[in-house]
Every structure is written in structure tokens, then in C-alpha cells.
Amino acid sequence: MLIIKPNCECSNVSLPANSSKAYICTYECTFCEDCLTGILQGVCPNCGGDLQRRPIRPVKAYRPGVGLQHHSASKERVVGQFNEQEITTFVDKIKHIPAYQR
């Protein structure tokens, strides 16, 4: 089950659980759409994987025991460990490699 982090790890912009502008990698590093299309150029600065739109967990429990009512989104904000120059250098090295070949 996804943690559903509350913010972009790059810009610290808030990303509510129902945001259609949240993107994640397979490690669930979380980024906003502006960072995805800007500095990150679709590359996770932590693992080098690609970023996909984060699924939205329904608020209502359409089936017993599921939904945000039962499994809330994380409230713990995460801030990335790399500065802008480190991110740009990393992304520039691998952005040309298709995600399935990284």
C-alpha cells in the first residue's frame, strides 16, 4: 500500500492525497508536476527511475476496510537530500536513456 507522502521532495510544495499533480517512482519518492517537467525532466533524482502519476486513493470506503477513512495518507513531510546542482548533474547524465533501459 502506498504511503502517499504529503509534499514534493524537491520543492516542498504540498501534494494532498487527491492531487492529480503528484508523481512517484517505484520507491515512492514523490514530486510535483512542476519539478517533474522542470529540473527533474522525468527522472527520479534519488534512484534514476522514471516518475509516474501517483494513484489517488478513494476517500470513501467502497469496500469494507479500504479508502482514506481506513488507510490515511502520511503526514510526514520528506525533503530531498540533493541540491539543485547535484540533481541537474545526475539528471543530465541519464535523461537520454529510456526508463526501461536504466
PDB file of N, CA and C in Angstrom:
ATOM      1  N   MET A   1       0.846  -1.170   0.000  1.00  0.00           N
ATOM      2  CA  MET A   1       0.000   0.000   0.000  1.00  0.00           C
ATOM      3  C   MET A   1       0.894   1.236   0.000  1.00  0.00           C
ATOM      4  N   LEU A   2       0.548   2.208  -0.818  1.00  0.00           N
ATOM      5  CA  LEU A   2       1.323   3.442  -0.904  1.00  0.00           C
ATOM      6  C   LEU A   2       1.223   4.269   0.378  1.00  0.00           C
ATOM      7  N   ILE A   3       2.312   4.938   0.704  1.00  0.00           N
ATOM      8  CA  ILE A   3       2.352   5.819   1.872  1.00  0.00           C
ATOM      9  C   ILE A   3       1.559   7.100   1.601  1.00  0.00           C
ATOM     10  N   ILE A   4       1.644   7.597   0.382  1.00  0.00           N
ATOM     11  CA  ILE A   4       1.030   8.853  -0.062  1.00  0.00           C
ATOM     12  C   ILE A   4       1.615  10.027   0.733  1.00  0.00           C
ATOM     13  N   LYS A   5       2.849  10.363   0.363  1.00  0.00           N
ATOM     14  CA  LYS A   5       3.563  11.458   1.021  1.00  0.00           C
ATOM     15  C   LYS A   5       2.876  12.793   0.732  1.00  0.00           C
ATOM     16  N   PRO A   6       2.948  13.732   1.682  1.00  0.00           N
ATOM     17  CA  PRO A   6       2.179  14.972   1.577  1.00  0.00           C
ATOM     18  C   PRO A   6       2.839  16.122   0.821  1.00  0.00           C
ATOM     19  N   ASN A   7       4.058  15.890   0.279  1.00  0.00           N
ATOM     20  CA  ASN A   7       4.754  17.010  -0.349  1.00  0.00           C
ATOM     21  C   ASN A   7       5.733  16.545  -1.424  1.00  0.00           C
ATOM     22  N   CYS A   8       6.140  17.507  -2.247  1.00  0.00           N
ATOM     23  CA  CYS A   8       7.184  17.284  -3.244  1.00  0.00           C
ATOM     24  C   CYS A   8       8.525  17.293  -2.526  1.00  0.00           C
ATOM     25  N   GLU A   9       9.336  16.278  -2.766  1.00  0.00           N
ATOM     26  CA  GLU A   9      10.630  16.172  -2.101  1.00  0.00           C
ATOM     27  C   GLU A   9      11.645  17.170  -2.641  1.00  0.00           C
ATOM     28  N   CYS A  10      11.334  17.768  -3.773  1.00  0.00           N
ATOM     29  CA  CYS A  10      12.250  18.728  -4.397  1.00  0.00           C
ATOM     30  C   CYS A  10      11.902  20.170  -4.000  1.00  0.00           C
ATOM     31  N   SER A  11      10.654  20.557  -4.163  1.00  0.00           N
ATOM     32  CA  SER A  11      10.236  21.944  -3.913  1.00  0.00           C
ATOM     33  C   SER A  11       9.486  22.126  -2.588  1.00  0.00           C
ATOM     34  N   ASN A  12       9.126  21.035  -1.943  1.00  0.00           N
ATOM     35  CA  ASN A  12       8.357  21.032  -0.694  1.00  0.00           C
ATOM     36  C   ASN A  12       6.932  21.560  -0.880  1.00  0.00           C
ATOM     37  N   VAL A  13       6.442  21.609  -2.093  1.00  0.00           N
ATOM     38  CA  VAL A  13       5.056  22.004  -2.363  1.00  0.00           C
ATOM     39  C   VAL A  13       4.138  20.924  -1.794  1.00  0.00           C
ATOM     40  N   SER A  14       3.038  21.342  -1.197  1.00  0.00           N
ATOM     41  CA  SER A  14       2.075  20.384  -0.644  1.00  0.00           C
ATOM     42  C   SER A  14       1.373  19.626  -1.768  1.00  0.00           C
ATOM     43  N   LEU A  15       1.224  18.329  -1.566  1.00  0.00           N
ATOM     44  CA  LEU A  15       0.543  17.450  -2.520  1.00  0.00           C
ATOM     45  C   LEU A  15      -0.484  16.615  -1.759  1.00  0.00           C
ATOM     46  N   PRO A  16      -1.714  17.128  -1.626  1.00  0.00           N
ATOM     47  CA  PRO A  16      -2.738  16.381  -0.900  1.00  0.00           C
ATOM     48  C   PRO A  16      -2.969  14.998  -1.519  1.00  0.00           C
ATOM     49  N   ALA A  17      -3.573  14.126  -0.764  1.00  0.00           N
ATOM     50  CA  ALA A  17      -3.811  12.751  -1.217  1.00  0.00           C
ATOM     51  C   ALA A  17      -4.589  12.691  -2.529  1.00  0.00           C
ATOM     52  N   ASN A  18      -5.415  13.686  -2.792  1.00  0.00           N
ATOM     53  CA  ASN A  18      -6.228  13.668  -4.023  1.00  0.00           C
ATOM     54  C   ASN A  18      -5.610  14.497  -5.147  1.00  0.00           C
ATOM     55  N   SER A  19      -4.343  14.858  -5.030  1.00  0.00           N
ATOM     56  CA  SER A  19      -3.681  15.676  -6.052  1.00  0.00           C
ATOM     57  C   SER A  19      -3.447  14.885  -7.339  1.00  0.00           C
ATOM     58  N   SER A  20      -3.797  15.500  -8.450  1.00  0.00           N
ATOM     59  CA  SER A  20      -3.517  14.886  -9.757  1.00  0.00           C
ATOM     60  C   SER A  20      -2.163  15.363 -10.273  1.00  0.00           C
ATOM     61  N   LYS A  21      -1.446  16.128  -9.463  1.00  0.00           N
ATOM     62  CA  LYS A  21      -0.143  16.667  -9.869  1.00  0.00           C
ATOM     63  C   LYS A  21       1.008  16.060  -9.069  1.00  0.00           C
ATOM     64  N   ALA A  22       0.769  14.891  -8.487  1.00  0.00           N
ATOM     65  CA  ALA A  22       1.797  14.184  -7.722  1.00  0.00           C
ATOM     66  C   ALA A  22       2.338  13.028  -8.551  1.00  0.00           C
ATOM     67  N   TYR A  23       3.656  12.873  -8.538  1.00  0.00           N
ATOM     68  CA  TYR A  23       4.326  11.817  -9.303  1.00  0.00           C
ATOM     69  C   TYR A  23       5.247  11.046  -8.385  1.00  0.00           C
ATOM     70  N   ILE A  24       5.375   9.733  -8.626  1.00  0.00           N
ATOM     71  CA  ILE A  24       6.211   8.876  -7.790  1.00  0.00           C
ATOM     72  C   ILE A  24       7.063   7.947  -8.654  1.00  0.00           C
ATOM     73  N   CYS A  25       8.165   7.471  -8.054  1.00  0.00           N
ATOM     74  CA  CYS A  25       8.968   6.418  -8.677  1.00  0.00           C
ATOM     75  C   CYS A  25       8.607   5.106  -7.971  1.00  0.00           C
ATOM     76  N   THR A  26       9.315   4.034  -8.286  1.00  0.00           N
ATOM     77  CA  THR A  26       8.994   2.741  -7.668  1.00  0.00           C
ATOM     78  C   THR A  26       9.347   2.686  -6.186  1.00  0.00           C
ATOM     79  N   TYR A  27      10.160   3.629  -5.717  1.00  0.00           N
ATOM     80  CA  TYR A  27      10.470   3.712  -4.287  1.00  0.00           C
ATOM     81  C   TYR A  27       9.543   4.689  -3.577  1.00  0.00           C
ATOM     82  N   GLU A  28       8.617   5.231  -4.305  1.00  0.00           N
ATOM     83  CA  GLU A  28       7.631   6.194  -3.830  1.00  0.00           C
ATOM     84  C   GLU A  28       8.226   7.550  -3.456  1.00  0.00           C
ATOM     85  N   CYS A  29       9.374   7.879  -4.060  1.00  0.00           N
ATOM     86  CA  CYS A  29       9.862   9.252  -3.960  1.00  0.00           C
ATOM     87  C   CYS A  29       8.784  10.084  -4.641  1.00  0.00           C
ATOM     88  N   THR A  30       8.446  11.221  -4.078  1.00  0.00           N
ATOM     89  CA  THR A  30       7.270  11.977  -4.514  1.00  0.00           C
ATOM     90  C   THR A  30       7.661  13.377  -4.967  1.00  0.00           C
ATOM     91  N   PHE A  31       7.133  13.770  -6.143  1.00  0.00           N
ATOM     92  CA  PHE A  31       7.457  15.056  -6.731  1.00  0.00           C
ATOM     93  C   PHE A  31       6.228  15.689  -7.365  1.00  0.00           C
ATOM     94  N   CYS A  32       6.248  17.016  -7.459  1.00  0.00           N
ATOM     95  CA  CYS A  32       5.139  17.745  -8.092  1.00  0.00           C
ATOM     96  C   CYS A  32       5.343  17.803  -9.603  1.00  0.00           C
ATOM     97  N   GLU A  33       4.286  18.160 -10.299  1.00  0.00           N
ATOM     98  CA  GLU A  33       4.323  18.227 -11.756  1.00  0.00           C
ATOM     99  C   GLU A  33       5.327  19.268 -12.257  1.00  0.00           C
ATOM    100  N   ASP A  34       5.433  20.402 -11.560  1.00  0.00           N
ATOM    101  CA  ASP A  34       6.377  21.438 -11.985  1.00  0.00           C
ATOM    102  C   ASP A  34       7.816  20.927 -11.924  1.00  0.00           C
ATOM    103  N   CYS A  35       8.176  20.218 -10.874  1.00  0.00           N
ATOM    104  CA  CYS A  35       9.529  19.663 -10.771  1.00  0.00           C
ATOM    105  C   CYS A  35       9.727  18.534 -11.779  1.00  0.00           C
ATOM    106  N   LEU A  36       8.701  17.713 -11.971  1.00  0.00           N
ATOM    107  CA  LEU A  36       8.769  16.619 -12.944  1.00  0.00           C
ATOM    108  C   LEU A  36       9.149  17.137 -14.320  1.00  0.00           C
ATOM    109  N   THR A  37       8.459  18.175 -14.777  1.00  0.00           N
ATOM    110  CA  THR A  37       8.696  18.696 -16.124  1.00  0.00           C
ATOM    111  C   THR A  37       9.840  19.701 -16.169  1.00  0.00           C
ATOM    112  N   GLY A  38      10.257  20.196 -15.007  1.00  0.00           N
ATOM    113  CA  GLY A  38      11.344  21.168 -14.939  1.00  0.00           C
ATOM    114  C   GLY A  38      12.667  20.502 -14.642  1.00  0.00           C
ATOM    115  N   ILE A  39      13.177  20.731 -13.473  1.00  0.00           N
ATOM    116  CA  ILE A  39      14.517  20.282 -13.087  1.00  0.00           C
ATOM    117  C   ILE A  39      14.720  18.771 -13.216  1.00  0.00           C
ATOM    118  N   LEU A  40      13.674  17.985 -12.960  1.00  0.00           N
ATOM    119  CA  LEU A  40      13.824  16.522 -12.968  1.00  0.00           C
ATOM    120  C   LEU A  40      13.750  15.904 -14.357  1.00  0.00           C
ATOM    121  N   GLN A  41      13.080  16.562 -15.275  1.00  0.00           N
ATOM    122  CA  GLN A  41      12.923  16.071 -16.645  1.00  0.00           C
ATOM    123  C   GLN A  41      12.474  14.613 -16.690  1.00  0.00           C
ATOM    124  N   GLY A  42      11.588  14.258 -15.739  1.00  0.00           N
ATOM    125  CA  GLY A  42      11.016  12.916 -15.702  1.00  0.00           C
ATOM    126  C   GLY A  42      11.870  11.862 -15.036  1.00  0.00           C
ATOM    127  N   VAL A  43      13.005  12.264 -14.442  1.00  0.00           N
ATOM    128  CA  VAL A  43      13.932  11.325 -13.812  1.00  0.00           C
ATOM    129  C   VAL A  43      13.901  11.500 -12.301  1.00  0.00           C
ATOM    130  N   CYS A  44      13.782  10.407 -11.565  1.00  0.00           N
ATOM    131  CA  CYS A  44      13.863  10.486 -10.104  1.00  0.00           C
ATOM    132  C   CYS A  44      15.306  10.809  -9.726  1.00  0.00           C
ATOM    133  N   PRO A  45      15.536  11.882  -8.967  1.00  0.00           N
ATOM    134  CA  PRO A  45      16.907  12.260  -8.613  1.00  0.00           C
ATOM    135  C   PRO A  45      17.541  11.346  -7.560  1.00  0.00           C
ATOM    136  N   ASN A  46      16.758  10.459  -6.991  1.00  0.00           N
ATOM    137  CA  ASN A  46      17.260   9.547  -5.964  1.00  0.00           C
ATOM    138  C   ASN A  46      17.699   8.211  -6.543  1.00  0.00           C
ATOM    139  N   CYS A  47      16.853   7.613  -7.396  1.00  0.00           N
ATOM    140  CA  CYS A  47      17.163   6.279  -7.915  1.00  0.00           C
ATOM    141  C   CYS A  47      17.416   6.239  -9.415  1.00  0.00           C
ATOM    142  N   GLY A  48      17.054   7.297 -10.139  1.00  0.00           N
ATOM    143  CA  GLY A  48      17.243   7.313 -11.586  1.00  0.00           C
ATOM    144  C   GLY A  48      16.096   6.704 -12.357  1.00  0.00           C
ATOM    145  N   GLY A  49      15.081   6.246 -11.658  1.00  0.00           N
ATOM    146  CA  GLY A  49      13.922   5.665 -12.324  1.00  0.00           C
ATOM    147  C   GLY A  49      13.016   6.737 -12.909  1.00  0.00           C
ATOM    148  N   ASP A  50      11.992   6.288 -13.618  1.00  0.00           N
ATOM    149  CA  ASP A  50      11.048   7.262 -14.175  1.00  0.00           C
ATOM    150  C   ASP A  50       9.967   7.572 -13.146  1.00  0.00           C
ATOM    151  N   LEU A  51       9.249   8.634 -13.407  1.00  0.00           N
ATOM    152  CA  LEU A  51       8.197   9.085 -12.495  1.00  0.00           C
ATOM    153  C   LEU A  51       6.850   8.958 -13.176  1.00  0.00           C
ATOM    154  N   GLN A  52       5.889   8.413 -12.447  1.00  0.00           N
ATOM    155  CA  GLN A  52       4.532   8.205 -12.958  1.00  0.00           C
ATOM    156  C   GLN A  52       3.547   8.895 -12.025  1.00  0.00           C
ATOM    157  N   ARG A  53       2.384   9.235 -12.586  1.00  0.00           N
ATOM    158  CA  ARG A  53       1.363   9.892 -11.773  1.00  0.00           C
ATOM    159  C   ARG A  53       0.989   8.985 -10.594  1.00  0.00           C
ATOM    160  N   ARG A  54       0.922   9.591  -9.410  1.00  0.00           N
ATOM    161  CA  ARG A  54       0.564   8.833  -8.214  1.00  0.00           C
ATOM    162  C   ARG A  54      -0.933   8.539  -8.243  1.00  0.00           C
ATOM    163  N   PRO A  55      -1.326   7.296  -7.997  1.00  0.00           N
ATOM    164  CA  PRO A  55      -2.754   6.974  -7.944  1.00  0.00           C
ATOM    165  C   PRO A  55      -3.440   7.714  -6.801  1.00  0.00           C
ATOM    166  N   ILE A  56      -4.705   7.964  -6.960  1.00  0.00           N
ATOM    167  CA  ILE A  56      -5.491   8.641  -5.924  1.00  0.00           C
ATOM    168  C   ILE A  56      -6.293   7.593  -5.163  1.00  0.00           C
ATOM    169  N   ARG A  57      -6.095   7.544  -3.862  1.00  0.00           N
ATOM    170  CA  ARG A  57      -6.838   6.613  -3.009  1.00  0.00           C
ATOM    171  C   ARG A  57      -8.212   7.217  -2.729  1.00  0.00           C
ATOM    172  N   PRO A  58      -9.268   6.468  -2.975  1.00  0.00           N
ATOM    173  CA  PRO A  58     -10.610   6.988  -2.714  1.00  0.00           C
ATOM    174  C   PRO A  58     -10.801   7.376  -1.250  1.00  0.00           C
ATOM    175  N   VAL A  59     -11.524   8.456  -1.028  1.00  0.00           N
ATOM    176  CA  VAL A  59     -11.832   8.900   0.332  1.00  0.00           C
ATOM    177  C   VAL A  59     -12.820   7.934   0.962  1.00  0.00           C
ATOM    178  N   LYS A  60     -13.824   7.590   0.208  1.00  0.00           N
ATOM    179  CA  LYS A  60     -14.898   6.715   0.690  1.00  0.00           C
ATOM    180  C   LYS A  60     -14.477   5.245   0.619  1.00  0.00           C
ATOM    181  N   ALA A  61     -14.926   4.475   1.590  1.00  0.00           N
ATOM    182  CA  ALA A  61     -14.668   3.033   1.598  1.00  0.00           C
ATOM    183  C   ALA A  61     -15.738   2.346   0.756  1.00  0.00           C
ATOM    184  N   TYR A  62     -15.460   2.152  -0.512  1.00  0.00           N
ATOM    185  CA  TYR A  62     -16.416   1.485  -1.395  1.00  0.00           C
ATOM    186  C   TYR A  62     -16.481  -0.011  -1.110  1.00  0.00           C
ATOM    187  N   ARG A  63     -15.448  -0.516  -0.473  1.00  0.00           N
ATOM    188  CA  ARG A  63     -15.415  -1.894   0.022  1.00  0.00           C
ATOM    189  C   ARG A  63     -14.975  -1.812   1.480  1.00  0.00           C
ATOM    190  N   PRO A  64     -15.400  -2.735   2.307  1.00  0.00           N
ATOM    191  CA  PRO A  64     -15.058  -2.676   3.731  1.00  0.00           C
ATOM    192  C   PRO A  64     -13.548  -2.625   3.973  1.00  0.00           C
ATOM    193  N   GLY A  65     -13.132  -1.682   4.804  1.00  0.00           N
ATOM    194  CA  GLY A  65     -11.746  -1.610   5.235  1.00  0.00           C
ATOM    195  C   GLY A  65     -10.769  -0.931   4.299  1.00  0.00           C
ATOM    196  N   VAL A  66     -11.249  -0.309   3.235  1.00  0.00           N
ATOM    197  CA  VAL A  66     -10.336   0.367   2.308  1.00  0.00           C
ATOM    198  C   VAL A  66     -10.686   1.851   2.196  1.00  0.00           C
ATOM    199  N   GLY A  67      -9.840   2.598   1.519  1.00  0.00           N
ATOM    200  CA  GLY A  67     -10.064   4.034   1.348  1.00  0.00           C
ATOM    201  C   GLY A  67      -9.316   4.827   2.408  1.00  0.00           C
ATOM    202  N   LEU A  68      -9.273   6.129   2.207  1.00  0.00           N
ATOM    203  CA  LEU A  68      -8.559   7.011   3.133  1.00  0.00           C
ATOM    204  C   LEU A  68      -9.129   6.978   4.544  1.00  0.00           C
ATOM    205  N   GLN A  69     -10.410   6.627   4.677  1.00  0.00           N
ATOM    206  CA  GLN A  69     -11.010   6.516   6.013  1.00  0.00           C
ATOM    207  C   GLN A  69     -10.258   5.497   6.868  1.00  0.00           C
ATOM    208  N   HIS A  70      -9.769   4.446   6.227  1.00  0.00           N
ATOM    209  CA  HIS A  70      -9.119   3.346   6.934  1.00  0.00           C
ATOM    210  C   HIS A  70      -7.598   3.380   6.814  1.00  0.00           C
ATOM    211  N   HIS A  71      -7.096   3.930   5.743  1.00  0.00           N
ATOM    212  CA  HIS A  71      -5.656   3.984   5.495  1.00  0.00           C
ATOM    213  C   HIS A  71      -5.315   5.396   5.042  1.00  0.00           C
ATOM    214  N   SER A  72      -5.070   6.261   6.005  1.00  0.00           N
ATOM    215  CA  SER A  72      -4.844   7.670   5.695  1.00  0.00           C
ATOM    216  C   SER A  72      -3.481   7.896   5.048  1.00  0.00           C
ATOM    217  N   ALA A  73      -3.365   9.037   4.398  1.00  0.00           N
ATOM    218  CA  ALA A  73      -2.106   9.439   3.785  1.00  0.00           C
ATOM    219  C   ALA A  73      -1.129   9.861   4.879  1.00  0.00           C
ATOM    220  N   SER A  74       0.144   9.767   4.580  1.00  0.00           N
ATOM    221  CA  SER A  74       1.173  10.177   5.525  1.00  0.00           C
ATOM    222  C   SER A  74       1.102  11.680   5.783  1.00  0.00           C
ATOM    223  N   LYS A  75       1.476  12.075   6.971  1.00  0.00           N
ATOM    224  CA  LYS A  75       1.563  13.498   7.319  1.00  0.00           C
ATOM    225  C   LYS A  75       3.029  13.932   7.421  1.00  0.00           C
ATOM    226  N   GLU A  76       3.932  12.956   7.307  1.00  0.00           N
ATOM    227  CA  GLU A  76       5.361  13.229   7.450  1.00  0.00           C
ATOM    228  C   GLU A  76       5.945  13.779   6.147  1.00  0.00           C
ATOM    229  N   ARG A  77       6.393  15.016   6.192  1.00  0.00           N
ATOM    230  CA  ARG A  77       6.973  15.664   5.023  1.00  0.00           C
ATOM    231  C   ARG A  77       8.401  15.158   4.824  1.00  0.00           C
ATOM    232  N   VAL A  78       8.762  14.937   3.569  1.00  0.00           N
ATOM    233  CA  VAL A  78      10.090  14.447   3.213  1.00  0.00           C
ATOM    234  C   VAL A  78      10.747  15.481   2.300  1.00  0.00           C
ATOM    235  N   VAL A  79      11.975  15.847   2.627  1.00  0.00           N
ATOM    236  CA  VAL A  79      12.723  16.796   1.803  1.00  0.00           C
ATOM    237  C   VAL A  79      13.939  16.077   1.248  1.00  0.00           C
ATOM    238  N   GLY A  80      14.169  16.227  -0.045  1.00  0.00           N
ATOM    239  CA  GLY A  80      15.281  15.550  -0.710  1.00  0.00           C
ATOM    240  C   GLY A  80      16.636  15.937  -0.147  1.00  0.00           C
ATOM    241  N   GLN A  81      17.609  15.066  -0.399  1.00  0.00           N
ATOM    242  CA  GLN A  81      18.954  15.250   0.164  1.00  0.00           C
ATOM    243  C   GLN A  81      19.932  15.909  -0.801  1.00  0.00           C
ATOM    244  N   PHE A  82      19.493  16.156  -2.050  1.00  0.00           N
ATOM    245  CA  PHE A  82      20.404  16.701  -3.049  1.00  0.00           C
ATOM    246  C   PHE A  82      20.057  18.145  -3.384  1.00  0.00           C
ATOM    247  N   ASN A  83      21.092  18.960  -3.644  1.00  0.00           N
ATOM    248  CA  ASN A  83      20.849  20.344  -4.030  1.00  0.00           C
ATOM    249  C   ASN A  83      20.591  20.423  -5.535  1.00  0.00           C
ATOM    250  N   GLU A  84      20.232  21.585  -6.008  1.00  0.00           N
ATOM    251  CA  GLU A  84      19.849  21.765  -7.414  1.00  0.00           C
ATOM    252  C   GLU A  84      20.970  21.359  -8.378  1.00  0.00           C
ATOM    253  N   GLN A  85      22.193  21.724  -8.081  1.00  0.00           N
ATOM    254  CA  GLN A  85      23.320  21.367  -8.947  1.00  0.00           C
ATOM    255  C   GLN A  85      23.526  19.856  -9.003  1.00  0.00           C
ATOM    256  N   GLU A  86      23.427  19.201  -7.859  1.00  0.00           N
ATOM    257  CA  GLU A  86      23.582  17.741  -7.827  1.00  0.00           C
ATOM    258  C   GLU A  86      22.473  17.055  -8.630  1.00  0.00           C
ATOM    259  N   ILE A  87      21.268  17.558  -8.507  1.00  0.00           N
ATOM    260  CA  ILE A  87      20.141  16.988  -9.254  1.00  0.00           C
ATOM    261  C   ILE A  87      20.359  17.180 -10.744  1.00  0.00           C
ATOM    262  N   THR A  88      20.698  18.388 -11.151  1.00  0.00           N
ATOM    263  CA  THR A  88      20.891  18.685 -12.575  1.00  0.00           C
ATOM    264  C   THR A  88      22.003  17.824 -13.171  1.00  0.00           C
ATOM    265  N   THR A  89      23.109  17.683 -12.483  1.00  0.00           N
ATOM    266  CA  THR A  89      24.221  16.862 -12.963  1.00  0.00           C
ATOM    267  C   THR A  89      23.797  15.409 -13.127  1.00  0.00           C
ATOM    268  N   PHE A  90      23.086  14.888 -12.138  1.00  0.00           N
ATOM    269  CA  PHE A  90      22.616  13.496 -12.173  1.00  0.00           C
ATOM    270  C   PHE A  90      21.628  13.278 -13.320  1.00  0.00           C
ATOM    271  N   VAL A  91      20.631  14.147 -13.417  1.00  0.00           N
ATOM    272  CA  VAL A  91      19.601  14.024 -14.446  1.00  0.00           C
ATOM    273  C   VAL A  91      20.212  14.129 -15.838  1.00  0.00           C
ATOM    274  N   ASP A  92      21.126  15.068 -16.034  1.00  0.00           N
ATOM    275  CA  ASP A  92      21.758  15.248 -17.344  1.00  0.00           C
ATOM    276  C   ASP A  92      22.507  14.001 -17.804  1.00  0.00           C
ATOM    277  N   LYS A  93      23.048  13.215 -16.860  1.00  0.00           N
ATOM    278  CA  LYS A  93      23.793  12.000 -17.211  1.00  0.00           C
ATOM    279  C   LYS A  93      22.903  10.882 -17.727  1.00  0.00           C
ATOM    280  N   ILE A  94      21.648  10.829 -17.260  1.00  0.00           N
ATOM    281  CA  ILE A  94      20.830   9.660 -17.606  1.00  0.00           C
ATOM    282  C   ILE A  94      19.509   9.964 -18.307  1.00  0.00           C
ATOM    283  N   LYS A  95      19.141  11.217 -18.455  1.00  0.00           N
ATOM    284  CA  LYS A  95      17.829  11.548 -19.025  1.00  0.00           C
ATOM    285  C   LYS A  95      17.644  11.030 -20.446  1.00  0.00           C
ATOM    286  N   HIS A  96      18.725  10.861 -21.179  1.00  0.00           N
ATOM    287  CA  HIS A  96      18.638  10.394 -22.567  1.00  0.00           C
ATOM    288  C   HIS A  96      18.424   8.880 -22.669  1.00  0.00           C
ATOM    289  N   ILE A  97      18.615   8.163 -21.561  1.00  0.00           N
ATOM    290  CA  ILE A  97      18.449   6.713 -21.547  1.00  0.00           C
ATOM    291  C   ILE A  97      16.970   6.408 -21.280  1.00  0.00           C
ATOM    292  N   PRO A  98      16.299   5.647 -22.156  1.00  0.00           N
ATOM    293  CA  PRO A  98      14.899   5.309 -21.894  1.00  0.00           C
ATOM    294  C   PRO A  98      14.759   4.629 -20.533  1.00  0.00           C
ATOM    295  N   ALA A  99      13.684   4.922 -19.839  1.00  0.00           N
ATOM    296  CA  ALA A  99      13.478   4.399 -18.486  1.00  0.00           C
ATOM    297  C   ALA A  99      13.605   2.886 -18.415  1.00  0.00           C
ATOM    298  N   TYR A 100      13.122   2.177 -19.412  1.00  0.00           N
ATOM    299  CA  TYR A 100      13.172   0.718 -19.369  1.00  0.00           C
ATOM    300  C   TYR A 100      14.589   0.165 -19.549  1.00  0.00           C
ATOM    301  N   GLN A 101      15.542   1.033 -19.903  1.00  0.00           N
ATOM    302  CA  GLN A 101      16.924   0.608 -20.078  1.00  0.00           C
ATOM    303  C   GLN A 101      17.865   1.132 -18.981  1.00  0.00           C
ATOM    304  N   ARG A 102      17.335   1.903 -18.061  1.00  0.00           N
ATOM    305  CA  ARG A 102      18.190   2.454 -16.993  1.00  0.00           C
ATOM    306  C   ARG A 102      18.526   1.404 -15.958  1.00  0.00           C
TER     307      ARG A 102
END
